[in-house]
Amino acid sequence: MRQRLQSKGFTPLEVENWTSRTYDVISCLNVLDRCHEPMKLLQDMYNCLSQTGGTAMISLVLPYHGSVEEGQVWQAQRDPLPIKGVSFEDQLSSFVVDVLELWDLS
């Protein structure tokens, strides 16, 4: 994916060093279930969006099972998203209501 984006003129950034500026578009594709602190990542994304109409593109694998690969071992997320439900519909609704709508955007 990184090479494909670069060939199209995009600059993929590492998760550790991208929060020092603002962006018109931030994409977070299938990352929230694979990082230790997804709520912090969402807050960082919001804080880095351009105040004149920045857009965040988010995709999330459902059913949600937050885990992080460390070497060859999978670890549970330290601070998982508060997604409830078992079915796709329940989890999608919970992601909107319990994560996005309650997001502290101040």
N, C-alpha and C. Protein backbone atom coordinates (compact mmCIF):
# COMPACT_ATOMS: atom_id res chain seq x y z
N MET A 1 0.83 -1.19 0.00
CA MET A 1 0.00 0.00 0.00
C MET A 1 0.88 1.25 0.00
N ARG A 2 1.93 1.25 0.80
CA ARG A 2 2.82 2.40 0.90
C ARG A 2 3.40 2.75 -0.48
N GLN A 3 3.90 1.75 -1.20
CA GLN A 3 4.49 1.99 -2.52
C GLN A 3 3.45 2.51 -3.51
N ARG A 4 2.26 1.97 -3.41
CA ARG A 4 1.19 2.40 -4.31
C ARG A 4 0.82 3.86 -4.08
N LEU A 5 0.72 4.23 -2.81
CA LEU A 5 0.41 5.63 -2.48
C LEU A 5 1.53 6.56 -2.95
N GLN A 6 2.77 6.15 -2.73
CA GLN A 6 3.90 6.98 -3.16
C GLN A 6 3.93 7.14 -4.68
N SER A 7 3.58 6.08 -5.41
CA SER A 7 3.58 6.17 -6.87
C SER A 7 2.51 7.14 -7.38
N LYS A 8 1.51 7.41 -6.55
CA LYS A 8 0.43 8.34 -6.92
C LYS A 8 0.69 9.76 -6.39
N GLY A 9 1.86 9.97 -5.77
CA GLY A 9 2.21 11.30 -5.28
C GLY A 9 1.85 11.58 -3.84
N PHE A 10 1.38 10.56 -3.10
CA PHE A 10 1.06 10.74 -1.69
C PHE A 10 2.28 10.44 -0.84
N THR A 11 2.30 10.96 0.38
CA THR A 11 3.40 10.73 1.30
C THR A 11 2.89 10.00 2.53
N PRO A 12 3.00 8.69 2.58
CA PRO A 12 2.59 7.95 3.79
C PRO A 12 3.53 8.30 4.95
N LEU A 13 2.98 8.53 6.12
CA LEU A 13 3.77 8.89 7.28
C LEU A 13 3.68 7.81 8.34
N GLU A 14 4.72 7.70 9.14
CA GLU A 14 4.73 6.76 10.26
C GLU A 14 3.83 7.28 11.36
N VAL A 15 3.24 6.40 12.12
CA VAL A 15 2.29 6.78 13.16
C VAL A 15 2.96 7.61 14.26
N GLU A 16 4.27 7.47 14.44
CA GLU A 16 4.95 8.16 15.53
C GLU A 16 5.24 9.63 15.24
N ASN A 17 5.27 10.06 13.98
CA ASN A 17 5.76 11.42 13.72
C ASN A 17 4.94 12.19 12.70
N TRP A 18 3.65 12.17 12.82
CA TRP A 18 2.82 12.87 11.83
C TRP A 18 2.00 13.99 12.45
N THR A 19 2.03 14.16 13.75
CA THR A 19 1.11 15.09 14.42
C THR A 19 1.63 16.52 14.55
N SER A 20 2.71 16.86 13.88
CA SER A 20 3.28 18.20 14.03
C SER A 20 2.72 19.22 13.04
N ARG A 21 1.78 18.85 12.21
CA ARG A 21 1.20 19.78 11.24
C ARG A 21 -0.27 19.46 11.00
N THR A 22 -0.92 20.23 10.13
CA THR A 22 -2.33 19.96 9.82
C THR A 22 -2.43 19.41 8.40
N TYR A 23 -3.56 18.73 8.16
CA TYR A 23 -3.78 18.05 6.88
C TYR A 23 -5.19 18.32 6.40
N ASP A 24 -5.36 18.33 5.08
CA ASP A 24 -6.69 18.44 4.50
C ASP A 24 -7.42 17.10 4.54
N VAL A 25 -6.67 16.01 4.38
CA VAL A 25 -7.24 14.66 4.39
C VAL A 25 -6.33 13.75 5.21
N ILE A 26 -6.94 12.97 6.08
CA ILE A 26 -6.22 11.92 6.82
C ILE A 26 -6.98 10.63 6.59
N SER A 27 -6.27 9.60 6.14
CA SER A 27 -6.91 8.29 5.98
C SER A 27 -6.37 7.36 7.05
N CYS A 28 -7.27 6.62 7.63
CA CYS A 28 -6.94 5.65 8.67
C CYS A 28 -7.68 4.36 8.28
N LEU A 29 -7.02 3.55 7.49
CA LEU A 29 -7.67 2.39 6.89
C LEU A 29 -7.23 1.11 7.59
N ASN A 30 -8.17 0.51 8.29
CA ASN A 30 -7.93 -0.76 9.01
C ASN A 30 -6.76 -0.67 9.97
N VAL A 31 -6.70 0.45 10.70
CA VAL A 31 -5.63 0.66 11.67
C VAL A 31 -6.16 0.65 13.10
N LEU A 32 -7.39 1.12 13.31
CA LEU A 32 -7.92 1.29 14.66
C LEU A 32 -7.98 -0.01 15.46
N ASP A 33 -8.10 -1.14 14.78
CA ASP A 33 -8.14 -2.41 15.51
C ASP A 33 -6.75 -3.01 15.65
N ARG A 34 -5.70 -2.30 15.18
CA ARG A 34 -4.33 -2.82 15.20
C ARG A 34 -3.35 -1.90 15.91
N CYS A 35 -3.85 -0.93 16.68
CA CYS A 35 -2.95 -0.07 17.45
C CYS A 35 -3.37 -0.12 18.91
N HIS A 36 -2.44 0.18 19.81
CA HIS A 36 -2.71 0.06 21.24
C HIS A 36 -3.71 1.08 21.77
N GLU A 37 -3.73 2.29 21.20
CA GLU A 37 -4.58 3.35 21.73
C GLU A 37 -5.40 4.00 20.61
N PRO A 38 -6.43 3.31 20.14
CA PRO A 38 -7.20 3.84 19.01
C PRO A 38 -7.94 5.15 19.31
N MET A 39 -8.40 5.35 20.53
CA MET A 39 -9.08 6.61 20.84
C MET A 39 -8.10 7.77 20.77
N LYS A 40 -6.88 7.57 21.24
CA LYS A 40 -5.85 8.60 21.14
C LYS A 40 -5.54 8.90 19.67
N LEU A 41 -5.47 7.86 18.86
CA LEU A 41 -5.23 8.05 17.43
C LEU A 41 -6.34 8.88 16.80
N LEU A 42 -7.60 8.58 17.14
CA LEU A 42 -8.72 9.36 16.61
C LEU A 42 -8.63 10.82 17.06
N GLN A 43 -8.28 11.05 18.31
CA GLN A 43 -8.15 12.43 18.82
C GLN A 43 -7.02 13.15 18.10
N ASP A 44 -5.89 12.47 17.90
CA ASP A 44 -4.78 13.07 17.16
C ASP A 44 -5.20 13.42 15.73
N MET A 45 -5.96 12.52 15.11
CA MET A 45 -6.44 12.79 13.75
C MET A 45 -7.29 14.06 13.74
N TYR A 46 -8.22 14.16 14.67
CA TYR A 46 -9.08 15.34 14.74
C TYR A 46 -8.25 16.61 14.94
N ASN A 47 -7.29 16.55 15.85
CA ASN A 47 -6.47 17.73 16.15
C ASN A 47 -5.61 18.15 14.97
N CYS A 48 -5.28 17.23 14.08
CA CYS A 48 -4.41 17.53 12.93
C CYS A 48 -5.18 17.86 11.66
N LEU A 49 -6.51 17.77 11.69
CA LEU A 49 -7.29 18.12 10.50
C LEU A 49 -7.34 19.63 10.31
N SER A 50 -7.27 20.06 9.08
CA SER A 50 -7.38 21.47 8.75
C SER A 50 -8.69 22.01 9.30
N GLN A 51 -8.65 23.18 9.91
CA GLN A 51 -9.85 23.79 10.47
C GLN A 51 -10.76 24.37 9.38
N THR A 52 -10.30 24.34 8.15
CA THR A 52 -11.12 24.87 7.05
C THR A 52 -11.68 23.74 6.18
N GLY A 53 -12.10 22.67 6.82
CA GLY A 53 -12.77 21.61 6.08
C GLY A 53 -11.97 20.34 5.90
N GLY A 54 -11.13 20.00 6.87
CA GLY A 54 -10.39 18.75 6.80
C GLY A 54 -11.32 17.55 6.86
N THR A 55 -10.90 16.45 6.23
CA THR A 55 -11.71 15.24 6.15
C THR A 55 -10.91 14.05 6.65
N ALA A 56 -11.54 13.23 7.47
CA ALA A 56 -10.93 11.97 7.93
C ALA A 56 -11.67 10.82 7.26
N MET A 57 -10.91 9.94 6.61
CA MET A 57 -11.47 8.71 6.04
C MET A 57 -11.09 7.59 6.98
N ILE A 58 -12.09 6.91 7.51
CA ILE A 58 -11.85 5.86 8.50
C ILE A 58 -12.50 4.57 8.03
N SER A 59 -11.73 3.48 8.07
CA SER A 59 -12.34 2.16 7.87
C SER A 59 -11.96 1.33 9.08
N LEU A 60 -12.88 0.49 9.49
CA LEU A 60 -12.69 -0.34 10.67
C LEU A 60 -13.17 -1.75 10.35
N VAL A 61 -12.35 -2.73 10.64
CA VAL A 61 -12.73 -4.12 10.42
C VAL A 61 -13.76 -4.51 11.48
N LEU A 62 -14.91 -5.00 11.01
CA LEU A 62 -15.95 -5.51 11.91
C LEU A 62 -16.22 -6.96 11.55
N PRO A 63 -16.38 -7.85 12.49
CA PRO A 63 -16.45 -7.59 13.92
C PRO A 63 -15.10 -7.13 14.48
N TYR A 64 -15.20 -6.25 15.46
CA TYR A 64 -14.03 -5.62 16.07
C TYR A 64 -13.38 -6.57 17.06
N HIS A 65 -12.10 -6.81 16.87
CA HIS A 65 -11.28 -7.58 17.80
C HIS A 65 -9.93 -6.89 17.86
N GLY A 66 -9.79 -5.92 18.75
CA GLY A 66 -8.57 -5.14 18.82
C GLY A 66 -7.38 -5.95 19.30
N SER A 67 -6.36 -6.03 18.47
CA SER A 67 -5.13 -6.71 18.85
C SER A 67 -3.97 -6.11 18.07
N VAL A 68 -2.79 -6.18 18.67
CA VAL A 68 -1.60 -5.56 18.09
C VAL A 68 -0.53 -6.62 17.91
N GLU A 69 0.05 -6.66 16.72
CA GLU A 69 1.12 -7.62 16.44
C GLU A 69 2.44 -7.04 16.92
N GLU A 70 3.09 -7.75 17.81
CA GLU A 70 4.41 -7.35 18.31
C GLU A 70 5.36 -8.50 18.04
N GLY A 71 6.15 -8.35 16.98
CA GLY A 71 6.98 -9.47 16.54
C GLY A 71 6.08 -10.54 15.95
N GLN A 72 6.12 -11.71 16.53
CA GLN A 72 5.25 -12.79 16.06
C GLN A 72 4.16 -13.12 17.07
N VAL A 73 3.95 -12.21 18.02
CA VAL A 73 2.95 -12.43 19.07
C VAL A 73 1.87 -11.36 18.97
N TRP A 74 0.62 -11.78 19.11
CA TRP A 74 -0.50 -10.84 19.11
C TRP A 74 -0.84 -10.49 20.55
N GLN A 75 -0.94 -9.19 20.83
CA GLN A 75 -1.27 -8.69 22.16
C GLN A 75 -2.62 -7.98 22.11
N ALA A 76 -3.35 -8.01 23.22
CA ALA A 76 -4.59 -7.24 23.31
C ALA A 76 -4.26 -5.76 23.34
N GLN A 77 -5.15 -4.93 22.80
CA GLN A 77 -4.94 -3.48 22.86
C GLN A 77 -4.95 -3.03 24.31
N ARG A 78 -4.12 -2.03 24.62
CA ARG A 78 -4.08 -1.49 25.98
C ARG A 78 -5.35 -0.70 26.30
N ASP A 79 -5.88 -0.01 25.29
CA ASP A 79 -7.06 0.85 25.47
C ASP A 79 -8.00 0.66 24.28
N PRO A 80 -8.74 -0.46 24.24
CA PRO A 80 -9.57 -0.76 23.07
C PRO A 80 -10.75 0.20 22.93
N LEU A 81 -11.28 0.27 21.72
CA LEU A 81 -12.48 1.06 21.48
C LEU A 81 -13.65 0.46 22.26
N PRO A 82 -14.55 1.30 22.78
CA PRO A 82 -15.69 0.80 23.55
C PRO A 82 -16.85 0.36 22.65
N ILE A 83 -16.56 -0.57 21.76
CA ILE A 83 -17.57 -1.04 20.81
C ILE A 83 -18.34 -2.20 21.44
N LYS A 84 -19.67 -2.10 21.37
CA LYS A 84 -20.54 -3.12 21.96
C LYS A 84 -21.26 -3.89 20.85
N GLY A 85 -21.73 -5.07 21.21
CA GLY A 85 -22.53 -5.86 20.28
C GLY A 85 -21.73 -6.96 19.63
N VAL A 86 -22.46 -7.86 18.98
CA VAL A 86 -21.84 -9.00 18.32
C VAL A 86 -22.00 -8.90 16.80
N SER A 87 -23.17 -8.49 16.36
CA SER A 87 -23.43 -8.44 14.92
C SER A 87 -22.74 -7.23 14.28
N PHE A 88 -22.58 -7.29 12.97
CA PHE A 88 -22.02 -6.17 12.22
C PHE A 88 -22.82 -4.90 12.49
N GLU A 89 -24.15 -5.00 12.41
CA GLU A 89 -25.02 -3.85 12.58
C GLU A 89 -24.88 -3.25 13.97
N ASP A 90 -24.86 -4.11 15.01
CA ASP A 90 -24.72 -3.62 16.38
C ASP A 90 -23.38 -2.93 16.59
N GLN A 91 -22.31 -3.53 16.06
CA GLN A 91 -20.98 -2.95 16.25
C GLN A 91 -20.83 -1.65 15.47
N LEU A 92 -21.38 -1.59 14.27
CA LEU A 92 -21.31 -0.34 13.49
C LEU A 92 -22.06 0.77 14.21
N SER A 93 -23.25 0.46 14.70
CA SER A 93 -24.02 1.45 15.44
C SER A 93 -23.27 1.90 16.69
N SER A 94 -22.68 0.96 17.41
CA SER A 94 -21.92 1.29 18.61
C SER A 94 -20.70 2.16 18.27
N PHE A 95 -20.03 1.87 17.16
CA PHE A 95 -18.87 2.68 16.76
C PHE A 95 -19.30 4.14 16.55
N VAL A 96 -20.44 4.33 15.90
CA VAL A 96 -20.93 5.69 15.65
C VAL A 96 -21.35 6.35 16.96
N VAL A 97 -22.19 5.67 17.74
CA VAL A 97 -22.76 6.27 18.95
C VAL A 97 -21.75 6.35 20.10
N ASP A 98 -21.02 5.26 20.35
CA ASP A 98 -20.15 5.17 21.52
C ASP A 98 -18.73 5.68 21.29
N VAL A 99 -18.37 5.88 20.03
CA VAL A 99 -17.01 6.36 19.74
C VAL A 99 -17.08 7.71 19.05
N LEU A 100 -17.64 7.77 17.86
CA LEU A 100 -17.60 9.01 17.08
C LEU A 100 -18.45 10.12 17.68
N GLU A 101 -19.68 9.81 18.10
CA GLU A 101 -20.56 10.86 18.63
C GLU A 101 -20.14 11.32 20.02
N LEU A 102 -19.43 10.48 20.77
CA LEU A 102 -18.98 10.87 22.11
C LEU A 102 -17.55 11.36 22.11
N TRP A 103 -16.95 11.42 20.94
CA TRP A 103 -15.58 11.88 20.79
C TRP A 103 -15.43 13.27 21.38
N ASP A 104 -14.46 13.47 22.22
CA ASP A 104 -14.21 14.79 22.80
C ASP A 104 -13.50 15.62 21.75
N LEU A 105 -14.24 16.47 21.07
CA LEU A 105 -13.67 17.24 19.98
C LEU A 105 -13.27 18.64 20.41
N SER A 106 -13.17 18.86 21.71
CA SER A 106 -12.79 20.20 22.18
C SER A 106 -11.29 20.37 22.20
